[in-house]
Amino acid sequence: MNLNTASEAVSFAKELETESAKFYENLAQRYAEGKEIFLSFAKENNKNIVQTERAYFGVISDAIEGCFSFKGIDTDNYSIETTLSEGRSYADALNMAVALEEKIVKFYTDAAEVSKSLMADVPQAFERIAKKRNERILKLKSLL
């Protein structure tokens, strides 16, 4: 699905955050060695939703929504895998988490880039979240 409006981009971001939060909650239940980190990621995801929605609702108007376009943003390019198969090793689960984070960072980075010229607040929120998620990648890789 191609995103055409800010509302669609914010909704998709919320979907990514919600799905990845569930993924991290599942990881926390399965792998005690990373439980605290995984639960902190899930909690941070909820904060990311609030941050994005706050930025969006703080600046949105019919005029902006009417001419806000996300050309080149196709949700199919940012689909994430969140299903943990039975017997998956801790290292495999961490690699899966790294891949998930890289896809989400790509979405936030791309969405921020295509929307920069139209508004400031939403792209800035997207950039902040991408930066935090890049830090997650480093944390996850350090657990490998």
N, C-alpha and C. Protein backbone atom coordinates (compact mmCIF):
# COMPACT_ATOMS: atom_id res chain seq x y z
N MET A 1 0.84 -1.17 0.00
CA MET A 1 0.00 0.00 0.00
C MET A 1 0.89 1.25 0.00
N ASN A 2 0.63 2.14 -0.90
CA ASN A 2 1.36 3.40 -0.93
C ASN A 2 0.72 4.37 0.06
N LEU A 3 1.58 5.05 0.80
CA LEU A 3 1.10 6.06 1.73
C LEU A 3 0.95 7.38 0.99
N ASN A 4 -0.18 8.04 1.20
CA ASN A 4 -0.42 9.31 0.52
C ASN A 4 -0.57 10.49 1.46
N THR A 5 -0.95 10.23 2.69
CA THR A 5 -1.20 11.34 3.63
C THR A 5 -0.42 11.16 4.91
N ALA A 6 -0.31 12.23 5.66
CA ALA A 6 0.33 12.17 6.97
C ALA A 6 -0.41 11.21 7.89
N SER A 7 -1.71 11.23 7.82
CA SER A 7 -2.52 10.34 8.64
C SER A 7 -2.16 8.87 8.37
N GLU A 8 -2.01 8.52 7.12
CA GLU A 8 -1.64 7.15 6.77
C GLU A 8 -0.24 6.80 7.28
N ALA A 9 0.69 7.74 7.18
CA ALA A 9 2.06 7.49 7.65
C ALA A 9 2.09 7.31 9.16
N VAL A 10 1.36 8.13 9.87
CA VAL A 10 1.31 8.03 11.33
C VAL A 10 0.62 6.73 11.74
N SER A 11 -0.41 6.35 11.05
CA SER A 11 -1.10 5.08 11.34
C SER A 11 -0.18 3.89 11.08
N PHE A 12 0.59 3.94 10.00
CA PHE A 12 1.51 2.85 9.71
C PHE A 12 2.62 2.79 10.75
N ALA A 13 3.13 3.96 11.16
CA ALA A 13 4.14 4.00 12.21
C ALA A 13 3.60 3.36 13.49
N LYS A 14 2.36 3.67 13.82
CA LYS A 14 1.73 3.08 15.02
C LYS A 14 1.64 1.56 14.88
N GLU A 15 1.31 1.09 13.70
CA GLU A 15 1.23 -0.35 13.44
C GLU A 15 2.59 -1.01 13.64
N LEU A 16 3.65 -0.40 13.10
CA LEU A 16 5.00 -0.94 13.28
C LEU A 16 5.39 -0.98 14.75
N GLU A 17 5.08 0.10 15.47
CA GLU A 17 5.43 0.17 16.89
C GLU A 17 4.67 -0.88 17.70
N THR A 18 3.39 -1.05 17.40
CA THR A 18 2.56 -2.00 18.13
C THR A 18 3.03 -3.43 17.88
N GLU A 19 3.26 -3.77 16.62
CA GLU A 19 3.70 -5.12 16.27
C GLU A 19 5.08 -5.42 16.86
N SER A 20 5.98 -4.46 16.78
CA SER A 20 7.32 -4.73 17.31
C SER A 20 7.30 -4.77 18.84
N ALA A 21 6.41 -4.04 19.48
CA ALA A 21 6.27 -4.13 20.95
C ALA A 21 5.84 -5.53 21.35
N LYS A 22 4.88 -6.08 20.64
CA LYS A 22 4.44 -7.46 20.90
C LYS A 22 5.59 -8.44 20.71
N PHE A 23 6.37 -8.22 19.68
CA PHE A 23 7.54 -9.06 19.40
C PHE A 23 8.49 -9.03 20.59
N TYR A 24 8.79 -7.84 21.10
CA TYR A 24 9.72 -7.73 22.22
C TYR A 24 9.14 -8.31 23.50
N GLU A 25 7.85 -8.19 23.69
CA GLU A 25 7.22 -8.82 24.86
C GLU A 25 7.35 -10.34 24.77
N ASN A 26 7.20 -10.90 23.57
CA ASN A 26 7.39 -12.33 23.37
C ASN A 26 8.84 -12.74 23.62
N LEU A 27 9.77 -11.93 23.14
CA LEU A 27 11.18 -12.21 23.39
C LEU A 27 11.47 -12.22 24.89
N ALA A 28 10.91 -11.27 25.61
CA ALA A 28 11.13 -11.18 27.06
C ALA A 28 10.61 -12.42 27.78
N GLN A 29 9.49 -12.95 27.30
CA GLN A 29 8.94 -14.16 27.91
C GLN A 29 9.79 -15.38 27.61
N ARG A 30 10.40 -15.43 26.44
CA ARG A 30 11.16 -16.60 26.02
C ARG A 30 12.61 -16.62 26.48
N TYR A 31 13.22 -15.45 26.52
CA TYR A 31 14.65 -15.37 26.76
C TYR A 31 14.94 -14.48 27.96
N ALA A 32 15.12 -15.12 29.11
CA ALA A 32 15.34 -14.39 30.37
C ALA A 32 16.60 -13.53 30.32
N GLU A 33 17.61 -13.97 29.55
CA GLU A 33 18.87 -13.24 29.51
C GLU A 33 18.74 -11.82 28.93
N GLY A 34 17.71 -11.58 28.15
CA GLY A 34 17.52 -10.23 27.58
C GLY A 34 16.22 -9.59 28.02
N LYS A 35 15.57 -10.15 29.01
CA LYS A 35 14.23 -9.73 29.40
C LYS A 35 14.12 -8.23 29.66
N GLU A 36 15.02 -7.69 30.47
CA GLU A 36 14.93 -6.26 30.81
C GLU A 36 15.05 -5.37 29.59
N ILE A 37 15.98 -5.68 28.72
CA ILE A 37 16.17 -4.87 27.51
C ILE A 37 14.94 -4.96 26.62
N PHE A 38 14.44 -6.19 26.42
CA PHE A 38 13.28 -6.37 25.55
C PHE A 38 12.06 -5.64 26.08
N LEU A 39 11.83 -5.72 27.38
CA LEU A 39 10.68 -5.01 27.97
C LEU A 39 10.85 -3.50 27.87
N SER A 40 12.09 -3.03 28.00
CA SER A 40 12.32 -1.58 27.86
C SER A 40 12.04 -1.13 26.43
N PHE A 41 12.38 -1.98 25.45
CA PHE A 41 12.08 -1.66 24.06
C PHE A 41 10.57 -1.58 23.84
N ALA A 42 9.83 -2.54 24.38
CA ALA A 42 8.37 -2.55 24.23
C ALA A 42 7.77 -1.29 24.85
N LYS A 43 8.26 -0.91 26.00
CA LYS A 43 7.77 0.30 26.67
C LYS A 43 8.09 1.54 25.84
N GLU A 44 9.30 1.58 25.29
CA GLU A 44 9.71 2.71 24.46
C GLU A 44 8.85 2.80 23.21
N ASN A 45 8.43 1.66 22.66
CA ASN A 45 7.55 1.67 21.48
C ASN A 45 6.28 2.44 21.76
N ASN A 46 5.70 2.24 22.93
CA ASN A 46 4.48 2.97 23.30
C ASN A 46 4.74 4.46 23.39
N LYS A 47 5.91 4.83 23.87
CA LYS A 47 6.28 6.25 23.91
C LYS A 47 6.45 6.80 22.49
N ASN A 48 6.98 5.98 21.58
CA ASN A 48 7.14 6.42 20.19
C ASN A 48 5.79 6.71 19.55
N ILE A 49 4.80 5.90 19.86
CA ILE A 49 3.45 6.14 19.33
C ILE A 49 2.94 7.50 19.81
N VAL A 50 3.07 7.75 21.10
CA VAL A 50 2.61 9.02 21.68
C VAL A 50 3.36 10.19 21.05
N GLN A 51 4.67 10.05 20.91
CA GLN A 51 5.49 11.13 20.34
C GLN A 51 5.07 11.45 18.90
N THR A 52 4.87 10.42 18.11
CA THR A 52 4.47 10.62 16.71
C THR A 52 3.08 11.24 16.62
N GLU A 53 2.14 10.70 17.37
CA GLU A 53 0.78 11.24 17.33
C GLU A 53 0.73 12.67 17.85
N ARG A 54 1.49 12.96 18.88
CA ARG A 54 1.52 14.32 19.42
C ARG A 54 2.05 15.30 18.37
N ALA A 55 3.11 14.91 17.68
CA ALA A 55 3.67 15.77 16.63
C ALA A 55 2.65 15.98 15.52
N TYR A 56 1.99 14.91 15.15
CA TYR A 56 1.01 14.99 14.06
C TYR A 56 -0.19 15.84 14.45
N PHE A 57 -0.81 15.53 15.57
CA PHE A 57 -2.01 16.26 15.97
C PHE A 57 -1.72 17.71 16.34
N GLY A 58 -0.47 17.98 16.70
CA GLY A 58 -0.09 19.35 17.05
C GLY A 58 0.00 20.28 15.85
N VAL A 59 0.19 19.74 14.66
CA VAL A 59 0.39 20.60 13.49
C VAL A 59 -0.61 20.38 12.37
N ILE A 60 -1.40 19.35 12.51
CA ILE A 60 -2.26 18.99 11.37
C ILE A 60 -3.40 19.98 11.16
N SER A 61 -3.70 20.20 9.94
CA SER A 61 -4.87 20.99 9.55
C SER A 61 -5.33 20.43 8.22
N ASP A 62 -6.51 20.78 7.81
CA ASP A 62 -7.00 20.29 6.52
C ASP A 62 -6.09 20.72 5.39
N ALA A 63 -5.53 21.91 5.50
CA ALA A 63 -4.66 22.41 4.44
C ALA A 63 -3.40 21.55 4.31
N ILE A 64 -2.80 21.21 5.45
CA ILE A 64 -1.58 20.40 5.40
C ILE A 64 -1.91 19.00 4.92
N GLU A 65 -2.95 18.40 5.50
CA GLU A 65 -3.31 17.03 5.14
C GLU A 65 -3.63 16.94 3.65
N GLY A 66 -4.26 17.98 3.12
CA GLY A 66 -4.66 17.96 1.72
C GLY A 66 -3.48 17.94 0.76
N CYS A 67 -2.33 18.49 1.16
CA CYS A 67 -1.20 18.52 0.23
C CYS A 67 0.01 17.75 0.75
N PHE A 68 -0.18 16.96 1.76
CA PHE A 68 0.91 16.16 2.31
C PHE A 68 0.99 14.85 1.54
N SER A 69 2.11 14.59 0.94
CA SER A 69 2.25 13.37 0.15
C SER A 69 3.50 12.61 0.55
N PHE A 70 3.38 11.31 0.58
CA PHE A 70 4.49 10.43 0.89
C PHE A 70 4.88 9.65 -0.35
N LYS A 71 5.18 10.33 -1.42
CA LYS A 71 5.57 9.64 -2.65
C LYS A 71 6.76 8.72 -2.39
N GLY A 72 6.64 7.51 -2.90
CA GLY A 72 7.73 6.57 -2.75
C GLY A 72 7.69 5.74 -1.48
N ILE A 73 6.71 5.97 -0.63
CA ILE A 73 6.60 5.19 0.60
C ILE A 73 5.52 4.12 0.39
N ASP A 74 5.99 2.90 0.22
CA ASP A 74 5.10 1.76 0.03
C ASP A 74 5.27 0.85 1.24
N THR A 75 4.20 0.61 1.98
CA THR A 75 4.29 -0.16 3.22
C THR A 75 4.84 -1.57 2.98
N ASP A 76 4.69 -2.10 1.79
CA ASP A 76 5.22 -3.44 1.50
C ASP A 76 6.75 -3.49 1.66
N ASN A 77 7.40 -2.35 1.48
CA ASN A 77 8.85 -2.29 1.61
C ASN A 77 9.31 -2.30 3.07
N TYR A 78 8.38 -2.16 3.99
CA TYR A 78 8.73 -2.04 5.40
C TYR A 78 8.04 -3.09 6.26
N SER A 79 7.62 -4.17 5.65
CA SER A 79 6.95 -5.22 6.43
C SER A 79 7.97 -5.88 7.35
N ILE A 80 7.51 -6.24 8.54
CA ILE A 80 8.40 -6.82 9.54
C ILE A 80 7.92 -8.21 9.92
N GLU A 81 8.86 -9.06 10.26
CA GLU A 81 8.56 -10.43 10.71
C GLU A 81 8.59 -10.44 12.23
N THR A 82 7.48 -10.82 12.84
CA THR A 82 7.40 -10.83 14.31
C THR A 82 7.03 -12.19 14.88
N THR A 83 6.94 -13.20 14.03
CA THR A 83 6.57 -14.53 14.50
C THR A 83 7.82 -15.32 14.87
N LEU A 84 7.90 -15.69 16.14
CA LEU A 84 9.02 -16.49 16.62
C LEU A 84 8.66 -17.96 16.55
N SER A 85 9.37 -18.71 15.74
CA SER A 85 9.09 -20.14 15.67
C SER A 85 9.64 -20.83 16.91
N GLU A 86 9.03 -21.94 17.25
CA GLU A 86 9.47 -22.73 18.40
C GLU A 86 10.91 -23.20 18.16
N GLY A 87 11.66 -23.22 19.22
CA GLY A 87 13.02 -23.73 19.13
C GLY A 87 14.03 -22.76 18.55
N ARG A 88 13.61 -21.55 18.27
CA ARG A 88 14.54 -20.57 17.71
C ARG A 88 15.58 -20.23 18.79
N SER A 89 16.83 -20.23 18.42
CA SER A 89 17.88 -19.92 19.39
C SER A 89 17.85 -18.44 19.75
N TYR A 90 18.47 -18.13 20.87
CA TYR A 90 18.56 -16.74 21.34
C TYR A 90 19.27 -15.89 20.28
N ALA A 91 20.36 -16.41 19.72
CA ALA A 91 21.10 -15.66 18.70
C ALA A 91 20.24 -15.42 17.46
N ASP A 92 19.46 -16.42 17.05
CA ASP A 92 18.57 -16.25 15.90
C ASP A 92 17.50 -15.20 16.20
N ALA A 93 16.97 -15.22 17.41
CA ALA A 93 15.96 -14.24 17.81
C ALA A 93 16.55 -12.83 17.82
N LEU A 94 17.79 -12.69 18.29
CA LEU A 94 18.45 -11.38 18.28
C LEU A 94 18.69 -10.90 16.85
N ASN A 95 19.09 -11.80 15.97
CA ASN A 95 19.28 -11.42 14.57
C ASN A 95 17.96 -11.01 13.93
N MET A 96 16.90 -11.69 14.31
CA MET A 96 15.57 -11.33 13.83
C MET A 96 15.19 -9.92 14.32
N ALA A 97 15.51 -9.64 15.58
CA ALA A 97 15.23 -8.31 16.15
C ALA A 97 16.04 -7.22 15.43
N VAL A 98 17.29 -7.51 15.10
CA VAL A 98 18.12 -6.54 14.38
C VAL A 98 17.50 -6.25 13.02
N ALA A 99 17.06 -7.29 12.31
CA ALA A 99 16.44 -7.10 10.99
C ALA A 99 15.16 -6.29 11.11
N LEU A 100 14.37 -6.57 12.14
CA LEU A 100 13.13 -5.82 12.38
C LEU A 100 13.45 -4.34 12.60
N GLU A 101 14.44 -4.07 13.45
CA GLU A 101 14.81 -2.69 13.74
C GLU A 101 15.32 -1.97 12.50
N GLU A 102 16.10 -2.66 11.69
CA GLU A 102 16.62 -2.03 10.47
C GLU A 102 15.49 -1.64 9.53
N LYS A 103 14.47 -2.47 9.40
CA LYS A 103 13.32 -2.15 8.54
C LYS A 103 12.57 -0.94 9.09
N ILE A 104 12.36 -0.91 10.40
CA ILE A 104 11.61 0.20 11.01
C ILE A 104 12.41 1.50 10.90
N VAL A 105 13.71 1.43 11.11
CA VAL A 105 14.56 2.62 10.95
C VAL A 105 14.45 3.13 9.52
N LYS A 106 14.47 2.22 8.57
CA LYS A 106 14.37 2.61 7.15
C LYS A 106 13.05 3.34 6.89
N PHE A 107 11.94 2.83 7.45
CA PHE A 107 10.66 3.50 7.28
C PHE A 107 10.72 4.91 7.85
N TYR A 108 11.14 5.04 9.09
CA TYR A 108 11.16 6.37 9.73
C TYR A 108 12.08 7.33 8.99
N THR A 109 13.23 6.84 8.54
CA THR A 109 14.18 7.69 7.82
C THR A 109 13.60 8.12 6.47
N ASP A 110 13.05 7.18 5.74
CA ASP A 110 12.47 7.50 4.43
C ASP A 110 11.27 8.43 4.58
N ALA A 111 10.39 8.16 5.54
CA ALA A 111 9.20 8.99 5.74
C ALA A 111 9.59 10.40 6.16
N ALA A 112 10.61 10.52 6.99
CA ALA A 112 11.08 11.85 7.40
C ALA A 112 11.62 12.61 6.21
N GLU A 113 12.37 11.93 5.37
CA GLU A 113 12.99 12.58 4.21
C GLU A 113 11.95 13.12 3.23
N VAL A 114 10.94 12.31 2.91
CA VAL A 114 9.97 12.77 1.91
C VAL A 114 9.01 13.81 2.45
N SER A 115 8.93 13.96 3.76
CA SER A 115 7.98 14.91 4.34
C SER A 115 8.64 16.19 4.85
N LYS A 116 9.95 16.26 4.83
CA LYS A 116 10.68 17.42 5.37
C LYS A 116 10.25 18.75 4.77
N SER A 117 10.01 18.78 3.49
CA SER A 117 9.71 20.06 2.85
C SER A 117 8.29 20.55 3.13
N LEU A 118 7.46 19.69 3.69
CA LEU A 118 6.07 20.08 3.91
C LEU A 118 5.75 20.47 5.34
N MET A 119 6.49 19.95 6.29
CA MET A 119 6.26 20.29 7.70
C MET A 119 7.51 19.91 8.47
N ALA A 120 7.61 20.41 9.69
CA ALA A 120 8.81 20.14 10.47
C ALA A 120 8.59 19.11 11.57
N ASP A 121 7.48 19.20 12.29
CA ASP A 121 7.30 18.41 13.50
C ASP A 121 7.26 16.91 13.27
N VAL A 122 6.50 16.45 12.32
CA VAL A 122 6.39 15.00 12.09
C VAL A 122 7.72 14.43 11.62
N PRO A 123 8.40 15.03 10.64
CA PRO A 123 9.69 14.48 10.24
C PRO A 123 10.72 14.48 11.38
N GLN A 124 10.68 15.51 12.22
CA GLN A 124 11.60 15.55 13.36
C GLN A 124 11.30 14.41 14.33
N ALA A 125 10.04 14.14 14.57
CA ALA A 125 9.67 13.01 15.44
C ALA A 125 10.15 11.71 14.82
N PHE A 126 9.94 11.55 13.52
CA PHE A 126 10.39 10.35 12.83
C PHE A 126 11.91 10.20 12.93
N GLU A 127 12.64 11.29 12.77
CA GLU A 127 14.11 11.24 12.85
C GLU A 127 14.58 10.87 14.26
N ARG A 128 13.93 11.42 15.28
CA ARG A 128 14.29 11.08 16.66
C ARG A 128 14.08 9.59 16.94
N ILE A 129 12.96 9.08 16.47
CA ILE A 129 12.65 7.66 16.68
C ILE A 129 13.65 6.79 15.92
N ALA A 130 13.99 7.17 14.70
CA ALA A 130 14.98 6.41 13.93
C ALA A 130 16.32 6.37 14.66
N LYS A 131 16.70 7.49 15.23
CA LYS A 131 17.97 7.56 15.97
C LYS A 131 17.94 6.62 17.18
N LYS A 132 16.84 6.63 17.92
CA LYS A 132 16.71 5.74 19.08
C LYS A 132 16.75 4.28 18.65
N ARG A 133 16.10 3.99 17.54
CA ARG A 133 16.06 2.61 17.07
C ARG A 133 17.43 2.18 16.54
N ASN A 134 18.21 3.08 16.00
CA ASN A 134 19.59 2.74 15.61
C ASN A 134 20.40 2.37 16.84
N GLU A 135 20.16 3.05 17.95
CA GLU A 135 20.83 2.70 19.20
C GLU A 135 20.41 1.31 19.67
N ARG A 136 19.16 0.95 19.44
CA ARG A 136 18.69 -0.40 19.77
C ARG A 136 19.46 -1.45 19.00
N ILE A 137 19.72 -1.18 17.73
CA ILE A 137 20.45 -2.13 16.90
C ILE A 137 21.81 -2.42 17.53
N LEU A 138 22.47 -1.37 17.99
CA LEU A 138 23.78 -1.55 18.63
C LEU A 138 23.65 -2.38 19.91
N LYS A 139 22.61 -2.13 20.70
CA LYS A 139 22.38 -2.92 21.92
C LYS A 139 22.14 -4.37 21.60
N LEU A 140 21.29 -4.60 20.60
CA LEU A 140 20.98 -5.97 20.21
C LEU A 140 22.22 -6.69 19.71
N LYS A 141 23.02 -6.03 18.91
CA LYS A 141 24.24 -6.64 18.39
C LYS A 141 25.24 -6.94 19.50
N SER A 142 25.24 -6.10 20.54
CA SER A 142 26.15 -6.35 21.67
C SER A 142 25.74 -7.58 22.46
N LEU A 143 24.48 -8.01 22.34
CA LEU A 143 24.01 -9.20 23.03
C LEU A 143 24.37 -10.48 22.29
N LEU A 144 24.75 -10.33 21.03
CA LEU A 144 25.11 -11.52 20.22
C LEU A 144 26.43 -12.13 20.64
